[in-house]
């Protein structure tokens, strides 16, 4: 009888436990990942105000191919200019890896340069495809710093600032750059030869 009561009590306890809602504990890494995904959701919507909600007032963005943005004012100005220049920009997150205080976000962006000028360049109407990685430092639920790595050369080609890869125009530009480099080298070598000749003559006169 005692064994029967013990089994019944255990079954009752298990049933009671199963009926209670289970609490899910969110780890710090998961919280950081959720924050980063929420931030990139705002990027994908081209929602600058929504992006700023994720930043501290004095946050810093290091766009490696362009430069450093300091504070929410500069961050907002840059992204408003970018979204105005690329009004159909679509940003997709492909992978997120969270650490203790930082999150790495791999992303892809497709857009057409059909809107307003960007960084002083008039719109060319050309399509742009980019892949990049953002390294975001997060503290107290806010972005503190973000270092964004992407291929600046691919952006310049896509936007029409440089000729397409392996095109005739690119080969001509490469030939022109190489010719200029060879000319500078020849001038430099000529100057060094003149200096050596002058020094040699000076030494002969001194010896005489």
N, C-alpha and C. Protein backbone atom coordinates (compact mmCIF):
# COMPACT_ATOMS: atom_id res chain seq x y z
N UNK A 1 0.84 -1.21 0.00
CA UNK A 1 0.00 0.00 0.00
C UNK A 1 0.87 1.24 0.00
N UNK A 2 1.97 1.23 0.77
CA UNK A 2 2.86 2.39 0.83
C UNK A 2 3.43 2.67 -0.53
N UNK A 3 3.83 1.58 -1.26
CA UNK A 3 4.41 1.74 -2.60
C UNK A 3 3.37 2.34 -3.53
N UNK A 4 2.12 1.90 -3.40
CA UNK A 4 1.05 2.42 -4.25
C UNK A 4 0.87 3.90 -4.03
N UNK A 5 0.90 4.33 -2.77
CA UNK A 5 0.72 5.75 -2.47
C UNK A 5 1.90 6.56 -3.03
N UNK A 6 3.11 6.02 -2.97
CA UNK A 6 4.29 6.73 -3.45
C UNK A 6 4.20 6.94 -4.96
N UNK A 7 3.80 5.86 -5.68
CA UNK A 7 3.67 5.97 -7.14
C UNK A 7 2.58 6.96 -7.49
N UNK A 8 1.45 6.90 -6.78
CA UNK A 8 0.35 7.82 -7.06
C UNK A 8 0.77 9.26 -6.81
N UNK A 9 1.48 9.45 -5.70
CA UNK A 9 1.92 10.81 -5.38
C UNK A 9 2.88 11.33 -6.45
N UNK A 10 3.77 10.40 -6.94
CA UNK A 10 4.73 10.83 -7.96
C UNK A 10 4.00 11.20 -9.24
N UNK A 11 3.00 10.38 -9.63
CA UNK A 11 2.24 10.66 -10.84
C UNK A 11 1.48 11.97 -10.72
N UNK A 12 0.93 12.20 -9.51
CA UNK A 12 0.21 13.46 -9.30
C UNK A 12 1.13 14.66 -9.40
N UNK A 13 2.33 14.52 -8.85
CA UNK A 13 3.30 15.60 -8.90
C UNK A 13 3.73 15.88 -10.33
N UNK A 14 3.95 14.80 -11.13
CA UNK A 14 4.35 14.99 -12.53
C UNK A 14 3.25 15.66 -13.33
N UNK A 15 2.00 15.26 -13.08
CA UNK A 15 0.87 15.86 -13.79
C UNK A 15 0.75 17.33 -13.45
N UNK A 16 0.95 17.65 -12.16
CA UNK A 16 0.86 19.06 -11.73
C UNK A 16 1.97 19.88 -12.37
N UNK A 17 3.18 19.27 -12.45
CA UNK A 17 4.31 19.97 -13.06
C UNK A 17 4.07 20.21 -14.53
N UNK A 18 3.48 19.21 -15.21
CA UNK A 18 3.23 19.35 -16.64
C UNK A 18 2.19 20.40 -16.93
N UNK A 19 1.24 20.60 -15.99
CA UNK A 19 0.18 21.57 -16.21
C UNK A 19 0.65 23.01 -16.01
N UNK A 20 1.79 23.19 -15.31
CA UNK A 20 2.29 24.54 -15.08
C UNK A 20 3.06 25.04 -16.29
N UNK A 21 2.91 26.30 -16.66
CA UNK A 21 3.66 26.84 -17.80
C UNK A 21 5.15 26.83 -17.51
N UNK A 22 5.94 26.36 -18.47
CA UNK A 22 7.39 26.28 -18.30
C UNK A 22 8.02 27.63 -18.64
N UNK A 23 8.88 28.12 -17.79
CA UNK A 23 9.58 29.37 -18.03
C UNK A 23 10.84 29.12 -18.85
N UNK A 24 10.99 29.87 -19.91
CA UNK A 24 12.17 29.75 -20.76
C UNK A 24 13.17 30.83 -20.39
N UNK A 25 14.36 30.42 -20.01
CA UNK A 25 15.40 31.36 -19.61
C UNK A 25 16.19 31.77 -20.86
N UNK A 26 16.18 33.07 -21.17
CA UNK A 26 16.90 33.59 -22.32
C UNK A 26 18.34 33.88 -21.92
N UNK A 27 19.27 33.25 -22.56
CA UNK A 27 20.68 33.48 -22.25
C UNK A 27 21.10 34.85 -22.76
N UNK A 28 22.25 35.31 -22.24
CA UNK A 28 22.76 36.61 -22.67
C UNK A 28 23.06 36.62 -24.15
N UNK A 29 23.64 35.54 -24.64
CA UNK A 29 23.96 35.47 -26.07
C UNK A 29 22.70 35.53 -26.92
N UNK A 30 21.68 34.83 -26.50
CA UNK A 30 20.42 34.85 -27.26
C UNK A 30 19.81 36.25 -27.25
N UNK A 31 19.90 36.93 -26.10
CA UNK A 31 19.38 38.29 -26.02
C UNK A 31 20.13 39.23 -26.96
N UNK A 32 21.46 39.06 -27.03
CA UNK A 32 22.25 39.88 -27.95
C UNK A 32 21.88 39.57 -29.40
N UNK A 33 21.69 38.29 -29.70
CA UNK A 33 21.29 37.91 -31.06
C UNK A 33 19.94 38.51 -31.42
N UNK A 34 18.99 38.45 -30.50
CA UNK A 34 17.66 39.02 -30.75
C UNK A 34 17.75 40.53 -30.99
N UNK A 35 18.60 41.19 -30.21
CA UNK A 35 18.78 42.64 -30.38
C UNK A 35 19.35 42.94 -31.76
N UNK A 36 20.37 42.19 -32.18
CA UNK A 36 20.98 42.43 -33.49
C UNK A 36 19.99 42.16 -34.61
N UNK A 37 19.21 41.12 -34.49
CA UNK A 37 18.21 40.82 -35.52
C UNK A 37 17.15 41.91 -35.57
N UNK A 38 16.76 42.43 -34.43
CA UNK A 38 15.79 43.52 -34.39
C UNK A 38 16.35 44.76 -35.08
N UNK A 39 17.64 45.03 -34.83
CA UNK A 39 18.29 46.17 -35.48
C UNK A 39 18.30 46.01 -37.00
N UNK A 40 18.64 44.82 -37.46
CA UNK A 40 18.69 44.60 -38.91
C UNK A 40 17.30 44.51 -39.53
N UNK A 41 16.29 44.19 -38.73
CA UNK A 41 14.92 44.30 -39.23
C UNK A 41 14.62 45.76 -39.59
N UNK A 42 15.07 46.68 -38.75
CA UNK A 42 14.89 48.11 -39.04
C UNK A 42 15.69 48.52 -40.27
N UNK A 43 16.91 47.98 -40.41
CA UNK A 43 17.70 48.26 -41.61
C UNK A 43 16.96 47.77 -42.85
N UNK A 44 16.41 46.56 -42.76
CA UNK A 44 15.69 46.00 -43.90
C UNK A 44 14.46 46.82 -44.27
N UNK A 45 13.84 47.47 -43.28
CA UNK A 45 12.68 48.33 -43.56
C UNK A 45 13.10 49.73 -44.01
N UNK A 46 14.39 50.00 -43.98
CA UNK A 46 14.93 51.34 -44.26
C UNK A 46 14.34 52.36 -43.27
N UNK A 47 14.24 51.91 -42.03
CA UNK A 47 13.63 52.70 -40.95
C UNK A 47 14.73 53.28 -40.07
N UNK A 48 15.17 54.50 -40.38
CA UNK A 48 16.28 55.11 -39.65
C UNK A 48 15.92 55.35 -38.19
N UNK A 49 14.71 55.83 -37.92
CA UNK A 49 14.30 56.05 -36.52
C UNK A 49 14.30 54.75 -35.74
N UNK A 50 13.84 53.67 -36.38
CA UNK A 50 13.86 52.37 -35.73
C UNK A 50 15.28 51.90 -35.46
N UNK A 51 16.20 52.22 -36.37
CA UNK A 51 17.61 51.86 -36.17
C UNK A 51 18.18 52.63 -34.97
N UNK A 52 17.86 53.92 -34.88
CA UNK A 52 18.42 54.75 -33.82
C UNK A 52 17.97 54.29 -32.44
N UNK A 53 16.80 53.67 -32.35
CA UNK A 53 16.32 53.16 -31.06
C UNK A 53 17.26 52.10 -30.49
N UNK A 54 18.08 51.51 -31.33
CA UNK A 54 19.00 50.46 -30.89
C UNK A 54 20.37 51.01 -30.50
N UNK A 55 20.56 52.33 -30.66
CA UNK A 55 21.88 52.93 -30.44
C UNK A 55 21.95 53.77 -29.18
N UNK A 56 23.14 53.83 -28.58
CA UNK A 56 23.41 54.83 -27.55
C UNK A 56 23.56 56.18 -28.24
N UNK A 57 23.45 57.25 -27.47
CA UNK A 57 23.55 58.60 -28.05
C UNK A 57 24.91 58.84 -28.69
N UNK A 58 25.97 58.29 -28.09
CA UNK A 58 27.33 58.53 -28.59
C UNK A 58 27.91 57.31 -29.30
N UNK A 59 27.04 56.49 -29.89
CA UNK A 59 27.51 55.30 -30.60
C UNK A 59 28.41 55.66 -31.78
N UNK A 60 29.25 54.71 -32.16
CA UNK A 60 30.23 54.93 -33.23
C UNK A 60 30.10 53.81 -34.26
N UNK A 61 29.99 54.22 -35.53
CA UNK A 61 29.97 53.26 -36.64
C UNK A 61 31.24 53.46 -37.46
N UNK A 62 31.99 52.39 -37.66
CA UNK A 62 33.18 52.42 -38.51
C UNK A 62 32.85 51.69 -39.80
N UNK A 63 32.51 52.47 -40.84
CA UNK A 63 32.29 51.89 -42.17
C UNK A 63 33.66 51.81 -42.83
N UNK A 64 34.25 50.63 -42.84
CA UNK A 64 35.65 50.48 -43.23
C UNK A 64 35.96 51.11 -44.59
N UNK A 65 35.14 50.94 -45.65
CA UNK A 65 35.48 51.55 -46.94
C UNK A 65 35.22 53.06 -47.01
N UNK A 66 34.49 53.63 -46.03
CA UNK A 66 34.09 55.04 -46.13
C UNK A 66 34.67 55.89 -45.01
N UNK A 67 34.44 55.51 -43.76
CA UNK A 67 34.93 56.32 -42.65
C UNK A 67 34.13 56.07 -41.40
N UNK A 68 34.31 56.94 -40.41
CA UNK A 68 33.72 56.77 -39.08
C UNK A 68 32.59 57.76 -38.86
N UNK A 69 31.49 57.25 -38.33
CA UNK A 69 30.34 58.07 -37.96
C UNK A 69 30.27 58.10 -36.44
N UNK A 70 30.17 59.30 -35.88
CA UNK A 70 30.15 59.44 -34.42
C UNK A 70 28.83 60.06 -33.97
N UNK A 71 28.13 59.36 -33.12
CA UNK A 71 26.89 59.86 -32.54
C UNK A 71 25.69 59.59 -33.43
N UNK A 72 24.53 59.66 -32.81
CA UNK A 72 23.29 59.35 -33.54
C UNK A 72 23.05 60.31 -34.71
N UNK A 73 23.48 61.57 -34.57
CA UNK A 73 23.25 62.53 -35.65
C UNK A 73 23.95 62.12 -36.94
N UNK A 74 25.23 61.75 -36.85
CA UNK A 74 25.98 61.35 -38.04
C UNK A 74 25.47 60.01 -38.58
N UNK A 75 25.13 59.10 -37.67
CA UNK A 75 24.60 57.80 -38.10
C UNK A 75 23.31 57.99 -38.88
N UNK A 76 22.41 58.80 -38.33
CA UNK A 76 21.13 59.03 -38.99
C UNK A 76 21.32 59.72 -40.34
N UNK A 77 22.19 60.71 -40.41
CA UNK A 77 22.41 61.45 -41.66
C UNK A 77 22.93 60.52 -42.75
N UNK A 78 23.88 59.65 -42.40
CA UNK A 78 24.44 58.75 -43.41
C UNK A 78 23.38 57.80 -43.94
N UNK A 79 22.63 57.15 -43.05
CA UNK A 79 21.67 56.16 -43.52
C UNK A 79 20.48 56.80 -44.22
N UNK A 80 20.10 57.99 -43.84
CA UNK A 80 19.03 58.67 -44.58
C UNK A 80 19.50 58.99 -46.00
N UNK A 81 20.75 59.42 -46.13
CA UNK A 81 21.30 59.68 -47.45
C UNK A 81 21.37 58.39 -48.27
N UNK A 82 21.81 57.30 -47.63
CA UNK A 82 21.94 56.04 -48.35
C UNK A 82 20.59 55.51 -48.83
N UNK A 83 19.59 55.55 -47.95
CA UNK A 83 18.28 55.04 -48.32
C UNK A 83 17.59 55.94 -49.35
N UNK A 84 17.91 57.23 -49.34
CA UNK A 84 17.36 58.13 -50.37
C UNK A 84 18.01 57.83 -51.72
N UNK A 85 19.29 57.48 -51.70
CA UNK A 85 20.00 57.17 -52.95
C UNK A 85 19.60 55.80 -53.49
N UNK A 86 19.34 54.86 -52.57
CA UNK A 86 18.98 53.49 -52.96
C UNK A 86 17.59 53.18 -52.38
N UNK A 87 16.54 53.75 -52.95
CA UNK A 87 15.21 53.66 -52.33
C UNK A 87 14.62 52.26 -52.29
N UNK A 88 15.16 51.34 -53.08
CA UNK A 88 14.63 49.96 -53.06
C UNK A 88 15.59 48.99 -52.39
N UNK A 89 16.50 49.50 -51.58
CA UNK A 89 17.51 48.64 -50.93
C UNK A 89 16.85 47.55 -50.11
N UNK A 90 17.30 46.32 -50.30
CA UNK A 90 16.83 45.17 -49.54
C UNK A 90 18.02 44.53 -48.84
N UNK A 91 17.95 44.43 -47.52
CA UNK A 91 19.04 43.85 -46.74
C UNK A 91 18.55 42.57 -46.07
N UNK A 92 19.28 41.48 -46.28
CA UNK A 92 18.91 40.18 -45.75
C UNK A 92 20.02 39.65 -44.85
N UNK A 93 19.66 39.24 -43.66
CA UNK A 93 20.63 38.63 -42.73
C UNK A 93 20.79 37.16 -43.09
N UNK A 94 22.03 36.72 -43.29
CA UNK A 94 22.30 35.33 -43.64
C UNK A 94 22.84 34.51 -42.47
N UNK A 95 23.46 35.20 -41.49
CA UNK A 95 23.99 34.46 -40.33
C UNK A 95 24.26 35.43 -39.19
N UNK A 96 24.03 34.96 -37.97
CA UNK A 96 24.28 35.75 -36.76
C UNK A 96 25.04 34.88 -35.77
N UNK A 97 26.13 35.42 -35.23
CA UNK A 97 26.92 34.70 -34.22
C UNK A 97 27.16 35.64 -33.05
N UNK A 98 26.64 35.29 -31.88
CA UNK A 98 26.72 36.15 -30.71
C UNK A 98 27.77 35.64 -29.74
N UNK A 99 28.52 36.58 -29.15
CA UNK A 99 29.47 36.27 -28.09
C UNK A 99 28.96 36.82 -26.77
N UNK A 100 29.88 37.20 -25.90
CA UNK A 100 29.48 37.73 -24.60
C UNK A 100 29.03 39.19 -24.68
N UNK A 101 29.70 39.98 -25.52
CA UNK A 101 29.35 41.40 -25.63
C UNK A 101 29.24 41.88 -27.08
N UNK A 102 29.56 41.01 -28.02
CA UNK A 102 29.53 41.40 -29.43
C UNK A 102 28.73 40.39 -30.25
N UNK A 103 28.22 40.89 -31.39
CA UNK A 103 27.47 40.04 -32.31
C UNK A 103 28.02 40.26 -33.71
N UNK A 104 28.30 39.18 -34.41
CA UNK A 104 28.70 39.26 -35.82
C UNK A 104 27.48 38.95 -36.68
N UNK A 105 27.18 39.86 -37.59
CA UNK A 105 26.02 39.69 -38.47
C UNK A 105 26.50 39.69 -39.92
N UNK A 106 26.27 38.59 -40.60
CA UNK A 106 26.59 38.50 -42.02
C UNK A 106 25.33 38.86 -42.81
N UNK A 107 25.49 39.71 -43.83
CA UNK A 107 24.31 40.20 -44.53
C UNK A 107 24.57 40.33 -46.03
N UNK A 108 23.49 40.46 -46.78
CA UNK A 108 23.52 40.75 -48.21
C UNK A 108 22.60 41.92 -48.49
N UNK A 109 22.99 42.76 -49.44
CA UNK A 109 22.15 43.89 -49.83
C UNK A 109 22.08 43.97 -51.34
N UNK A 110 20.88 44.16 -51.85
CA UNK A 110 20.67 44.45 -53.27
C UNK A 110 19.94 45.76 -53.37
N UNK A 111 20.28 46.58 -54.37
CA UNK A 111 19.67 47.90 -54.50
C UNK A 111 19.96 48.45 -55.89
N UNK A 112 19.25 49.49 -56.24
CA UNK A 112 19.50 50.22 -57.48
C UNK A 112 19.77 51.68 -57.16
N UNK A 113 20.81 52.23 -57.76
CA UNK A 113 21.22 53.61 -57.49
C UNK A 113 20.36 54.54 -58.35
N UNK A 114 19.10 54.68 -57.96
CA UNK A 114 18.13 55.42 -58.77
C UNK A 114 17.55 56.64 -58.07
N UNK A 115 17.97 56.88 -56.82
CA UNK A 115 17.35 57.96 -56.06
C UNK A 115 18.16 59.24 -56.06
N UNK A 116 18.50 59.71 -54.87
CA UNK A 116 19.24 60.96 -54.70
C UNK A 116 20.74 60.71 -54.83
N UNK A 117 21.54 61.79 -54.90
CA UNK A 117 23.01 61.61 -54.90
C UNK A 117 23.49 60.95 -53.62
N UNK A 118 24.62 60.25 -53.72
CA UNK A 118 25.20 59.56 -52.57
C UNK A 118 26.67 59.90 -52.50
N UNK A 119 27.10 60.47 -51.36
CA UNK A 119 28.50 60.83 -51.16
C UNK A 119 29.02 61.71 -52.30
N UNK A 120 28.13 62.62 -52.78
CA UNK A 120 28.52 63.55 -53.83
C UNK A 120 28.43 62.98 -55.23
N UNK A 121 27.97 61.74 -55.39
CA UNK A 121 27.87 61.10 -56.70
C UNK A 121 26.41 61.10 -57.17
N UNK A 122 26.18 61.58 -58.38
CA UNK A 122 24.84 61.57 -58.94
C UNK A 122 24.40 60.14 -59.22
N UNK A 123 23.10 59.83 -59.08
CA UNK A 123 22.62 58.47 -59.30
C UNK A 123 22.89 57.99 -60.72
N UNK A 124 23.36 56.77 -60.83
CA UNK A 124 23.71 56.20 -62.13
C UNK A 124 22.66 55.23 -62.66
N UNK A 125 21.72 54.85 -61.79
CA UNK A 125 20.71 53.88 -62.20
C UNK A 125 21.20 52.44 -62.20
N UNK A 126 22.42 52.22 -61.76
CA UNK A 126 23.01 50.88 -61.81
C UNK A 126 22.60 50.03 -60.60
N UNK A 127 22.52 48.71 -60.78
CA UNK A 127 22.24 47.81 -59.65
C UNK A 127 23.49 47.56 -58.82
N UNK A 128 23.30 47.37 -57.54
CA UNK A 128 24.40 47.10 -56.60
C UNK A 128 24.07 45.85 -55.81
N UNK A 129 25.05 44.97 -55.69
CA UNK A 129 24.92 43.79 -54.84
C UNK A 129 26.13 43.73 -53.91
N UNK A 130 25.86 43.63 -52.62
CA UNK A 130 26.94 43.63 -51.64
C UNK A 130 26.78 42.49 -50.66
N UNK A 131 27.91 41.99 -50.17
CA UNK A 131 27.94 41.09 -49.02
C UNK A 131 28.83 41.75 -47.98
N UNK A 132 28.44 41.62 -46.71
CA UNK A 132 29.24 42.25 -45.68
C UNK A 132 29.04 41.60 -44.32
N UNK A 133 29.84 42.05 -43.37
CA UNK A 133 29.76 41.58 -41.98
C UNK A 133 29.83 42.79 -41.06
N UNK A 134 28.91 42.88 -40.12
CA UNK A 134 28.94 43.91 -39.09
C UNK A 134 29.34 43.26 -37.77
N UNK A 135 30.28 43.90 -37.07
CA UNK A 135 30.67 43.48 -35.73
C UNK A 135 30.12 44.51 -34.76
N UNK A 136 29.05 44.16 -34.05
CA UNK A 136 28.34 45.10 -33.19
C UNK A 136 28.66 44.82 -31.73
N UNK A 137 29.12 45.86 -31.03
CA UNK A 137 29.33 45.78 -29.57
C UNK A 137 28.08 46.32 -28.89
N UNK A 138 27.55 45.54 -27.96
CA UNK A 138 26.28 45.88 -27.31
C UNK A 138 26.48 45.93 -25.80
N UNK A 139 25.95 46.98 -25.18
CA UNK A 139 26.00 47.11 -23.72
C UNK A 139 24.67 47.65 -23.22
N UNK A 140 24.12 47.01 -22.21
CA UNK A 140 22.83 47.43 -21.62
C UNK A 140 21.74 47.57 -22.68
N UNK A 141 21.74 46.63 -23.64
CA UNK A 141 20.67 46.61 -24.63
C UNK A 141 20.79 47.65 -25.72
N UNK A 142 21.95 48.27 -25.89
CA UNK A 142 22.13 49.29 -26.93
C UNK A 142 23.43 49.05 -27.69
N UNK A 143 23.41 49.40 -28.97
CA UNK A 143 24.64 49.35 -29.76
C UNK A 143 25.60 50.42 -29.27
N UNK A 144 26.83 50.04 -29.03
CA UNK A 144 27.87 50.99 -28.61
C UNK A 144 28.79 51.31 -29.79
N UNK A 145 29.26 50.27 -30.47
CA UNK A 145 30.07 50.44 -31.67
C UNK A 145 29.64 49.41 -32.70
N UNK A 146 29.93 49.73 -33.95
CA UNK A 146 29.68 48.79 -35.04
C UNK A 146 30.75 48.99 -36.10
N UNK A 147 31.51 47.94 -36.39
CA UNK A 147 32.49 47.97 -37.47
C UNK A 147 31.93 47.16 -38.63
N UNK A 148 31.71 47.84 -39.76
CA UNK A 148 31.08 47.20 -40.92
C UNK A 148 32.11 46.97 -42.01
N UNK A 149 32.27 45.71 -42.39
CA UNK A 149 33.20 45.33 -43.45
C UNK A 149 32.41 44.93 -44.70
N UNK A 150 32.74 45.54 -45.82
CA UNK A 150 32.17 45.11 -47.10
C UNK A 150 33.12 45.52 -48.21
N UNK A 151 32.90 45.01 -49.40
CA UNK A 151 33.81 45.22 -50.53
C UNK A 151 33.52 46.58 -51.17
N UNK A 152 34.33 47.58 -50.85
CA UNK A 152 34.14 48.90 -51.41
C UNK A 152 34.33 48.92 -52.92
N UNK A 153 35.22 48.06 -53.44
CA UNK A 153 35.44 47.99 -54.88
C UNK A 153 34.21 47.46 -55.59
N UNK A 154 33.58 46.45 -55.01
CA UNK A 154 32.35 45.90 -55.60
C UNK A 154 31.25 46.95 -55.61
N UNK A 155 31.17 47.75 -54.53
CA UNK A 155 30.17 48.81 -54.49
C UNK A 155 30.44 49.84 -55.59
N UNK A 156 31.71 50.24 -55.74
CA UNK A 156 32.05 51.24 -56.75
C UNK A 156 31.74 50.74 -58.16
N UNK A 157 32.02 49.46 -58.41
CA UNK A 157 31.70 48.90 -59.73
C UNK A 157 30.19 48.85 -59.95
N UNK A 158 29.47 48.37 -58.94
CA UNK A 158 28.03 48.25 -59.08
C UNK A 158 27.35 49.59 -59.27
N UNK A 159 27.82 50.60 -58.55
CA UNK A 159 27.19 51.92 -58.63
C UNK A 159 27.60 52.68 -59.89
N UNK A 160 28.55 52.15 -60.64
CA UNK A 160 28.98 52.81 -61.87
C UNK A 160 30.13 53.77 -61.69
N UNK A 161 30.75 53.76 -60.51
CA UNK A 161 31.89 54.65 -60.27
C UNK A 161 33.16 54.09 -60.91
N UNK A 162 33.21 52.77 -61.11
CA UNK A 162 34.33 52.11 -61.78
C UNK A 162 33.77 51.20 -62.87
N UNK A 163 34.57 50.89 -63.90
CA UNK A 163 34.09 50.00 -64.96
C UNK A 163 33.83 48.60 -64.43
N UNK A 164 32.98 47.84 -65.12
CA UNK A 164 32.74 46.45 -64.71
C UNK A 164 34.04 45.63 -64.76
N UNK A 165 34.09 44.62 -63.90
CA UNK A 165 35.29 43.79 -63.83
C UNK A 165 35.56 43.10 -65.16
N UNK A 166 36.84 43.12 -65.59
CA UNK A 166 37.31 42.47 -66.81
C UNK A 166 36.72 43.07 -68.09
N UNK A 167 36.13 44.24 -67.99
CA UNK A 167 35.63 44.91 -69.19
C UNK A 167 36.77 45.60 -69.93
N UNK A 168 36.51 46.02 -71.18
CA UNK A 168 37.52 46.76 -71.94
C UNK A 168 37.91 48.04 -71.25
N UNK A 169 36.92 48.71 -70.64
CA UNK A 169 37.20 49.96 -69.94
C UNK A 169 38.12 49.73 -68.75
N UNK A 170 37.90 48.62 -68.03
CA UNK A 170 38.77 48.33 -66.88
C UNK A 170 40.18 48.01 -67.34
N UNK A 171 40.30 47.26 -68.44
CA UNK A 171 41.64 46.94 -68.94
C UNK A 171 42.37 48.21 -69.39
N UNK A 172 41.64 49.13 -70.03
CA UNK A 172 42.26 50.38 -70.45
C UNK A 172 42.70 51.20 -69.24
N UNK A 173 41.87 51.24 -68.19
CA UNK A 173 42.22 51.97 -66.99
C UNK A 173 43.43 51.35 -66.31
N UNK A 174 43.47 50.01 -66.28
CA UNK A 174 44.61 49.31 -65.69
C UNK A 174 45.90 49.62 -66.46
N UNK A 175 45.81 49.64 -67.79
CA UNK A 175 46.99 49.94 -68.61
C UNK A 175 47.48 51.37 -68.35
N UNK A 176 46.52 52.31 -68.20
CA UNK A 176 46.90 53.69 -67.94
C UNK A 176 47.59 53.83 -66.59
N UNK A 177 47.06 53.14 -65.58
CA UNK A 177 47.67 53.18 -64.25
C UNK A 177 49.07 52.57 -64.28
N UNK A 178 49.23 51.45 -64.97
CA UNK A 178 50.54 50.81 -65.06
C UNK A 178 51.54 51.69 -65.80
N UNK A 179 51.08 52.36 -66.86
CA UNK A 179 51.97 53.25 -67.60
C UNK A 179 52.43 54.41 -66.72
N UNK A 180 51.51 54.98 -65.97
CA UNK A 180 51.87 56.08 -65.07
C UNK A 180 52.85 55.60 -63.99
N UNK A 181 52.64 54.39 -63.49
CA UNK A 181 53.54 53.84 -62.48
C UNK A 181 54.94 53.64 -63.05
N UNK A 182 55.03 53.10 -64.26
CA UNK A 182 56.34 52.90 -64.88
C UNK A 182 57.05 54.23 -65.13
N UNK A 183 56.28 55.26 -65.53
CA UNK A 183 56.87 56.57 -65.76
C UNK A 183 57.43 57.16 -64.47
N UNK A 184 56.67 57.06 -63.38
CA UNK A 184 57.15 57.56 -62.09
C UNK A 184 58.40 56.81 -61.66
N UNK A 185 58.42 55.49 -61.89
CA UNK A 185 59.58 54.70 -61.51
C UNK A 185 60.81 55.11 -62.32
N UNK A 186 60.60 55.36 -63.63
CA UNK A 186 61.72 55.76 -64.49
C UNK A 186 62.27 57.11 -64.06
N UNK A 187 61.37 58.06 -63.73
CA UNK A 187 61.81 59.38 -63.27
C UNK A 187 62.59 59.26 -61.97
N UNK A 188 62.07 58.42 -61.04
CA UNK A 188 62.75 58.22 -59.76
C UNK A 188 64.12 57.58 -59.95
N UNK A 189 64.18 56.57 -60.83
CA UNK A 189 65.47 55.91 -61.09
C UNK A 189 66.45 56.89 -61.72
N UNK A 190 65.95 57.76 -62.62
CA UNK A 190 66.82 58.75 -63.25
C UNK A 190 67.38 59.73 -62.25
N UNK A 191 66.55 60.15 -61.30
CA UNK A 191 67.02 61.07 -60.26
C UNK A 191 68.09 60.40 -59.40
N UNK A 192 67.86 59.14 -59.04
CA UNK A 192 68.84 58.44 -58.22
C UNK A 192 70.17 58.28 -58.97
N UNK A 193 70.08 58.02 -60.29
CA UNK A 193 71.30 57.87 -61.09
C UNK A 193 72.07 59.18 -61.14
N UNK A 194 71.35 60.31 -61.28
CA UNK A 194 72.01 61.61 -61.31
C UNK A 194 72.69 61.91 -59.98
N UNK A 195 72.01 61.56 -58.87
CA UNK A 195 72.59 61.79 -57.54
C UNK A 195 73.86 60.96 -57.37
N UNK A 196 73.81 59.69 -57.81
CA UNK A 196 74.99 58.82 -57.69
C UNK A 196 76.15 59.36 -58.53
N UNK A 197 75.85 59.84 -59.75
CA UNK A 197 76.90 60.38 -60.61
C UNK A 197 77.52 61.64 -60.00
N UNK A 198 76.66 62.49 -59.43
CA UNK A 198 77.16 63.71 -58.80
C UNK A 198 78.05 63.39 -57.61
N UNK A 199 77.63 62.40 -56.80
CA UNK A 199 78.44 62.02 -55.64
C UNK A 199 79.79 61.42 -56.08
N UNK A 200 79.74 60.64 -57.16
CA UNK A 200 81.00 60.04 -57.64
C UNK A 200 81.97 61.11 -58.12
N UNK A 201 81.47 62.12 -58.86
CA UNK A 201 82.33 63.22 -59.33
C UNK A 201 82.90 64.01 -58.16
N UNK A 202 82.04 64.22 -57.15
CA UNK A 202 82.48 64.97 -55.99
C UNK A 202 83.63 64.23 -55.27
N UNK A 203 83.49 62.90 -55.17
CA UNK A 203 84.53 62.12 -54.50
C UNK A 203 85.84 62.15 -55.29
N UNK A 204 85.78 62.13 -56.62
CA UNK A 204 86.98 62.19 -57.45
C UNK A 204 87.68 63.53 -57.27
N UNK A 205 86.91 64.60 -57.24
CA UNK A 205 87.52 65.93 -57.06
C UNK A 205 88.21 66.04 -55.71
N UNK A 206 87.55 65.46 -54.70
CA UNK A 206 88.13 65.52 -53.36
C UNK A 206 89.42 64.71 -53.31
N UNK A 207 89.42 63.58 -53.97
CA UNK A 207 90.62 62.73 -53.97
C UNK A 207 91.77 63.38 -54.74
N UNK A 208 91.43 64.11 -55.82
CA UNK A 208 92.47 64.78 -56.60
C UNK A 208 93.08 65.94 -55.84
